[in-house]
Amino acid sequence: MSPEIILNRMEVKRLEADALSKEQIHENVNSPKHYSSGEIECIDAMIHCFGIEEVQIYAKIAAFKYLWRSKHKHNSDAEDLAKAEFYIRFANGNDPRDKS
């Protein structure tokens, strides 16, 4: 097999892995499985208990936390930056989980 073919196959596999990781990041950010208990997500239970205004304040603090540690957790800061974006949007009244 020629080196060009090997390199092309390696590039295809890298692109497939990148696409999978972006999809995984989206799922880990918008609806992480470990944030749900039955039919309700933790953030919805927080809204029910504390009210939307308090949860939006929490979202600002959470965004700060994800930005603060983004370079120190993983090889890539993409997931933490996406989580910070999620919380900033939520704090602005735009729930990223909404499909509309």
C-alpha atoms as a PDB file:
ATOM      1  CA  MET A   1       0.000   0.000   0.000  1.00  0.00           C
ATOM      2  CA  SER A   2       1.390   3.399  -0.928  1.00  0.00           C
ATOM      3  CA  PRO A   3       2.170   6.011   1.728  1.00  0.00           C
ATOM      4  CA  GLU A   4      -0.417   8.332   0.137  1.00  0.00           C
ATOM      5  CA  ILE A   5      -3.205   5.782   0.571  1.00  0.00           C
ATOM      6  CA  ILE A   6      -2.167   5.142   4.160  1.00  0.00           C
ATOM      7  CA  LEU A   7      -2.132   8.878   4.892  1.00  0.00           C
ATOM      8  CA  ASN A   8      -5.537   9.330   3.242  1.00  0.00           C
ATOM      9  CA  ARG A   9      -7.030   6.531   5.327  1.00  0.00           C
ATOM     10  CA  MET A  10      -5.511   8.005   8.475  1.00  0.00           C
ATOM     11  CA  GLU A  11      -6.985  11.410   7.600  1.00  0.00           C
ATOM     12  CA  VAL A  12     -10.447   9.881   7.065  1.00  0.00           C
ATOM     13  CA  LYS A  13     -10.251   8.137  10.436  1.00  0.00           C
ATOM     14  CA  ARG A  14      -9.139  11.379  12.115  1.00  0.00           C
ATOM     15  CA  LEU A  15     -12.041  13.274  10.541  1.00  0.00           C
ATOM     16  CA  GLU A  16     -14.489  10.569  11.641  1.00  0.00           C
ATOM     17  CA  ALA A  17     -13.102  10.731  15.190  1.00  0.00           C
ATOM     18  CA  ASP A  18     -13.397  14.543  15.186  1.00  0.00           C
ATOM     19  CA  ALA A  19     -17.032  14.345  14.061  1.00  0.00           C
ATOM     20  CA  LEU A  20     -17.824  11.781  16.741  1.00  0.00           C
ATOM     21  CA  SER A  21     -16.173  13.855  19.434  1.00  0.00           C
ATOM     22  CA  LYS A  22     -18.123  16.976  18.368  1.00  0.00           C
ATOM     23  CA  GLU A  23     -21.367  14.983  18.543  1.00  0.00           C
ATOM     24  CA  GLN A  24     -20.360  13.623  21.946  1.00  0.00           C
ATOM     25  CA  ILE A  25     -19.513  17.133  23.161  1.00  0.00           C
ATOM     26  CA  HIS A  26     -22.952  18.353  22.056  1.00  0.00           C
ATOM     27  CA  GLU A  27     -24.645  15.534  23.986  1.00  0.00           C
ATOM     28  CA  ASN A  28     -22.418  16.019  27.040  1.00  0.00           C
ATOM     29  CA  VAL A  29     -23.243  19.726  27.086  1.00  0.00           C
ATOM     30  CA  ASN A  30     -26.953  19.918  26.247  1.00  0.00           C
ATOM     31  CA  SER A  31     -28.321  16.817  27.984  1.00  0.00           C
ATOM     32  CA  PRO A  32     -25.729  14.867  29.935  1.00  0.00           C
ATOM     33  CA  LYS A  33     -27.128  11.529  31.056  1.00  0.00           C
ATOM     34  CA  HIS A  34     -25.746  11.939  34.567  1.00  0.00           C
ATOM     35  CA  TYR A  35     -27.741  15.196  35.018  1.00  0.00           C
ATOM     36  CA  SER A  36     -31.082  13.411  34.722  1.00  0.00           C
ATOM     37  CA  SER A  37     -33.041  11.519  37.303  1.00  0.00           C
ATOM     38  CA  GLY A  38     -35.953   9.819  35.654  1.00  0.00           C
ATOM     39  CA  GLU A  39     -37.822  12.269  33.460  1.00  0.00           C
ATOM     40  CA  ILE A  40     -36.416  15.520  34.854  1.00  0.00           C
ATOM     41  CA  GLU A  41     -33.028  17.157  34.418  1.00  0.00           C
ATOM     42  CA  CYS A  42     -31.267  18.690  37.386  1.00  0.00           C
ATOM     43  CA  ILE A  43     -31.519  22.220  35.970  1.00  0.00           C
ATOM     44  CA  ASP A  44     -35.308  21.869  35.690  1.00  0.00           C
ATOM     45  CA  ALA A  45     -35.533  20.679  39.298  1.00  0.00           C
ATOM     46  CA  MET A  46     -33.413  23.681  40.305  1.00  0.00           C
ATOM     47  CA  ILE A  47     -35.810  26.029  38.502  1.00  0.00           C
ATOM     48  CA  HIS A  48     -38.741  24.390  40.269  1.00  0.00           C
ATOM     49  CA  CYS A  49     -37.090  24.723  43.686  1.00  0.00           C
ATOM     50  CA  PHE A  50     -35.334  28.091  43.415  1.00  0.00           C
ATOM     51  CA  GLY A  51     -36.963  29.949  40.515  1.00  0.00           C
ATOM     52  CA  ILE A  52     -35.592  30.931  37.125  1.00  0.00           C
ATOM     53  CA  GLU A  53     -33.839  34.105  38.296  1.00  0.00           C
ATOM     54  CA  GLU A  54     -31.739  32.243  40.876  1.00  0.00           C
ATOM     55  CA  VAL A  55     -30.848  29.528  38.378  1.00  0.00           C
ATOM     56  CA  GLN A  56     -29.799  32.163  35.838  1.00  0.00           C
ATOM     57  CA  ILE A  57     -27.439  33.603  38.481  1.00  0.00           C
ATOM     58  CA  TYR A  58     -26.098  30.096  39.045  1.00  0.00           C
ATOM     59  CA  ALA A  59     -25.642  29.756  35.259  1.00  0.00           C
ATOM     60  CA  LYS A  60     -23.402  32.855  35.184  1.00  0.00           C
ATOM     61  CA  ILE A  61     -21.283  31.382  37.968  1.00  0.00           C
ATOM     62  CA  ALA A  62     -21.124  27.981  36.236  1.00  0.00           C
ATOM     63  CA  ALA A  63     -20.019  29.642  32.973  1.00  0.00           C
ATOM     64  CA  PHE A  64     -17.213  31.394  34.865  1.00  0.00           C
ATOM     65  CA  LYS A  65     -16.129  28.059  36.370  1.00  0.00           C
ATOM     66  CA  TYR A  66     -15.980  26.312  32.984  1.00  0.00           C
ATOM     67  CA  LEU A  67     -14.003  29.170  31.434  1.00  0.00           C
ATOM     68  CA  TRP A  68     -11.619  29.283  34.389  1.00  0.00           C
ATOM     69  CA  ARG A  69     -10.623  25.622  34.219  1.00  0.00           C
ATOM     70  CA  SER A  70     -11.009  24.994  30.482  1.00  0.00           C
ATOM     71  CA  LYS A  71      -7.277  24.699  29.769  1.00  0.00           C
ATOM     72  CA  HIS A  72      -6.551  22.517  32.771  1.00  0.00           C
ATOM     73  CA  LYS A  73      -8.913  19.520  32.449  1.00  0.00           C
ATOM     74  CA  HIS A  74      -8.452  17.842  29.072  1.00  0.00           C
ATOM     75  CA  ASN A  75      -6.245  17.846  25.999  1.00  0.00           C
ATOM     76  CA  SER A  76      -8.859  20.056  24.352  1.00  0.00           C
ATOM     77  CA  ASP A  77     -10.894  22.809  25.948  1.00  0.00           C
ATOM     78  CA  ALA A  78     -13.758  22.399  23.456  1.00  0.00           C
ATOM     79  CA  GLU A  79     -16.174  20.697  25.865  1.00  0.00           C
ATOM     80  CA  ASP A  80     -15.637  23.170  28.693  1.00  0.00           C
ATOM     81  CA  LEU A  81     -16.014  26.112  26.295  1.00  0.00           C
ATOM     82  CA  ALA A  82     -19.245  24.579  24.973  1.00  0.00           C
ATOM     83  CA  LYS A  83     -20.518  24.159  28.546  1.00  0.00           C
ATOM     84  CA  ALA A  84     -19.661  27.788  29.319  1.00  0.00           C
ATOM     85  CA  GLU A  85     -21.578  28.820  26.199  1.00  0.00           C
ATOM     86  CA  PHE A  86     -24.555  26.708  27.313  1.00  0.00           C
ATOM     87  CA  TYR A  87     -24.676  28.449  30.698  1.00  0.00           C
ATOM     88  CA  ILE A  88     -24.183  31.930  29.229  1.00  0.00           C
ATOM     89  CA  ARG A  89     -27.076  31.326  26.837  1.00  0.00           C
ATOM     90  CA  PHE A  90     -29.211  29.983  29.685  1.00  0.00           C
ATOM     91  CA  ALA A  91     -28.356  33.018  31.837  1.00  0.00           C
ATOM     92  CA  ASN A  92     -29.557  35.229  28.963  1.00  0.00           C
ATOM     93  CA  GLY A  93     -32.948  33.480  28.895  1.00  0.00           C
ATOM     94  CA  ASN A  94     -32.160  31.287  25.899  1.00  0.00           C
ATOM     95  CA  ASP A  95     -32.343  27.648  26.982  1.00  0.00           C
ATOM     96  CA  PRO A  96     -29.997  25.782  24.588  1.00  0.00           C
ATOM     97  CA  ARG A  97     -32.011  22.596  25.067  1.00  0.00           C
ATOM     98  CA  ASP A  98     -34.985  24.134  23.279  1.00  0.00           C
ATOM     99  CA  LYS A  99     -35.266  22.849  19.737  1.00  0.00           C
ATOM    100  CA  SER A 100     -37.238  25.855  18.521  1.00  0.00           C
END
